[in-house]
C-alpha atoms as a PDB file:
ATOM      1  CA  MET A   1     -28.975 -17.304  72.822  1.00  0.00           C
ATOM      2  CA  TYR A   2     -26.814 -18.214  69.833  1.00  0.00           C
ATOM      3  CA  GLY A   3     -28.196 -20.027  66.811  1.00  0.00           C
ATOM      4  CA  PRO A   4     -27.115 -23.521  65.760  1.00  0.00           C
ATOM      5  CA  PHE A   5     -23.597 -24.033  64.557  1.00  0.00           C
ATOM      6  CA  PHE A   6     -22.207 -26.561  62.136  1.00  0.00           C
ATOM      7  CA  LEU A   7     -19.397 -29.000  62.707  1.00  0.00           C
ATOM      8  CA  LEU A   8     -17.804 -30.711  59.729  1.00  0.00           C
ATOM      9  CA  VAL A   9     -16.901 -34.170  61.021  1.00  0.00           C
ATOM     10  CA  ASP A  10     -15.759 -36.035  57.959  1.00  0.00           C
ATOM     11  CA  ALA A  11     -14.796 -34.000  54.915  1.00  0.00           C
ATOM     12  CA  SER A  12     -14.700 -37.014  52.586  1.00  0.00           C
ATOM     13  CA  ALA A  13     -18.314 -37.900  53.324  1.00  0.00           C
ATOM     14  CA  ALA A  14     -19.351 -34.280  53.947  1.00  0.00           C
ATOM     15  CA  ALA A  15     -21.111 -35.388  57.130  1.00  0.00           C
ATOM     16  CA  VAL A  16     -22.363 -32.219  58.729  1.00  0.00           C
ATOM     17  CA  LEU A  17     -23.922 -32.250  62.149  1.00  0.00           C
ATOM     18  CA  THR A  18     -26.111 -29.463  63.424  1.00  0.00           C
ATOM     19  CA  MET A  19     -26.034 -28.824  67.138  1.00  0.00           C
ATOM     20  CA  ALA A  20     -28.229 -26.437  69.073  1.00  0.00           C
ATOM     21  CA  SER A  21     -27.509 -26.098  72.778  1.00  0.00           C
ATOM     22  CA  ASP A  22     -31.114 -27.035  73.692  1.00  0.00           C
ATOM     23  CA  ASP A  23     -31.482 -30.098  71.432  1.00  0.00           C
ATOM     24  CA  VAL A  24     -28.440 -32.316  71.965  1.00  0.00           C
ATOM     25  CA  ASP A  25     -27.247 -34.196  75.016  1.00  0.00           C
ATOM     26  CA  PRO A  26     -23.473 -33.655  75.230  1.00  0.00           C
ATOM     27  CA  SER A  27     -22.716 -37.316  75.988  1.00  0.00           C
ATOM     28  CA  ASP A  28     -24.846 -38.423  73.016  1.00  0.00           C
ATOM     29  CA  PHE A  29     -23.040 -35.922  70.815  1.00  0.00           C
ATOM     30  CA  VAL A  30     -19.633 -37.220  71.956  1.00  0.00           C
ATOM     31  CA  GLN A  31     -20.723 -40.823  71.323  1.00  0.00           C
ATOM     32  CA  ARG A  32     -21.842 -39.949  67.791  1.00  0.00           C
ATOM     33  CA  ILE A  33     -18.551 -38.180  67.101  1.00  0.00           C
ATOM     34  CA  GLN A  34     -16.607 -41.175  68.419  1.00  0.00           C
ATOM     35  CA  ALA A  35     -18.676 -43.566  66.280  1.00  0.00           C
ATOM     36  CA  LEU A  36     -18.067 -41.447  63.179  1.00  0.00           C
ATOM     37  CA  SER A  37     -14.370 -41.271  63.975  1.00  0.00           C
ATOM     38  CA  LYS A  38     -14.182 -45.050  64.419  1.00  0.00           C
ATOM     39  CA  LYS A  39     -16.057 -45.583  61.148  1.00  0.00           C
ATOM     40  CA  ARG A  40     -13.688 -43.212  59.326  1.00  0.00           C
ATOM     41  CA  ASP A  41     -10.659 -45.000  60.790  1.00  0.00           C
ATOM     42  CA  GLU A  42     -12.034 -48.375  59.659  1.00  0.00           C
ATOM     43  CA  GLU A  43     -12.701 -47.027  56.160  1.00  0.00           C
ATOM     44  CA  ASP A  44      -9.200 -45.529  56.016  1.00  0.00           C
ATOM     45  CA  ALA A  45      -7.694 -48.858  57.094  1.00  0.00           C
ATOM     46  CA  GLU A  46      -9.688 -50.681  54.394  1.00  0.00           C
ATOM     47  CA  ARG A  47      -8.536 -48.200  51.731  1.00  0.00           C
ATOM     48  CA  PHE A  48      -4.954 -48.623  52.923  1.00  0.00           C
ATOM     49  CA  ARG A  49      -5.220 -52.443  52.721  1.00  0.00           C
ATOM     50  CA  ASN A  50      -6.680 -52.215  49.228  1.00  0.00           C
ATOM     51  CA  LEU A  51      -3.928 -49.876  48.068  1.00  0.00           C
ATOM     52  CA  GLU A  52      -1.222 -52.113  49.531  1.00  0.00           C
ATOM     53  CA  GLU A  53      -2.745 -55.149  47.802  1.00  0.00           C
ATOM     54  CA  GLN A  54      -2.905 -53.272  44.492  1.00  0.00           C
ATOM     55  CA  ILE A  55       0.713 -52.169  44.829  1.00  0.00           C
ATOM     56  CA  GLN A  56       1.769 -55.767  45.512  1.00  0.00           C
ATOM     57  CA  ARG A  57      -0.210 -57.068  42.504  1.00  0.00           C
ATOM     58  CA  ASP A  58       1.333 -54.387  40.275  1.00  0.00           C
ATOM     59  CA  ARG A  59       4.834 -55.307  41.471  1.00  0.00           C
ATOM     60  CA  GLU A  60       4.223 -58.994  40.812  1.00  0.00           C
ATOM     61  CA  GLU A  61       2.874 -58.245  37.334  1.00  0.00           C
ATOM     62  CA  ARG A  62       5.916 -56.072  36.546  1.00  0.00           C
ATOM     63  CA  LEU A  63       8.279 -58.785  37.740  1.00  0.00           C
ATOM     64  CA  ALA A  64       6.451 -61.370  35.632  1.00  0.00           C
ATOM     65  CA  ARG A  65       6.684 -59.139  32.559  1.00  0.00           C
ATOM     66  CA  ARG A  66      10.369 -58.507  33.172  1.00  0.00           C
ATOM     67  CA  ALA A  67      11.023 -62.218  33.655  1.00  0.00           C
ATOM     68  CA  GLY A  68       9.592 -62.853  30.190  1.00  0.00           C
ATOM     69  CA  GLU A  69      11.785 -60.214  28.513  1.00  0.00           C
ATOM     70  CA  PRO A  70      15.301 -61.008  27.362  1.00  0.00           C
ATOM     71  CA  THR A  71      18.098 -59.257  29.210  1.00  0.00           C
ATOM     72  CA  CYS A  72      20.153 -56.503  27.570  1.00  0.00           C
ATOM     73  CA  ALA A  73      23.068 -58.899  26.908  1.00  0.00           C
ATOM     74  CA  ALA A  74      20.804 -61.454  25.234  1.00  0.00           C
ATOM     75  CA  ARG A  75      19.110 -58.968  22.931  1.00  0.00           C
ATOM     76  CA  PRO A  76      20.473 -58.825  19.401  1.00  0.00           C
ATOM     77  CA  SER A  77      22.231 -55.565  18.795  1.00  0.00           C
ATOM     78  CA  ALA A  78      21.552 -53.560  15.655  1.00  0.00           C
ATOM     79  CA  SER A  79      25.227 -52.596  15.451  1.00  0.00           C
ATOM     80  CA  ARG A  80      26.339 -56.253  15.202  1.00  0.00           C
ATOM     81  CA  ALA A  81      24.313 -56.964  12.066  1.00  0.00           C
END
């Protein structure tokens, strides 16, 4: 028969599963794939939440910095001196 083959499930974690036709129950294999997929989706959602929070913090910090700066009209002009 054919030798084992490799299936790359999650490239970011480089999780490689080896499956030989004699060694793995198909339903167990499917359950493991589904569990890995669910875990990856949860990790992606967490990364997305963290990025959104960071973007919001950065926006708030920028607004706070801008609020402390004088506007263009209030700045003394070098040409007026």
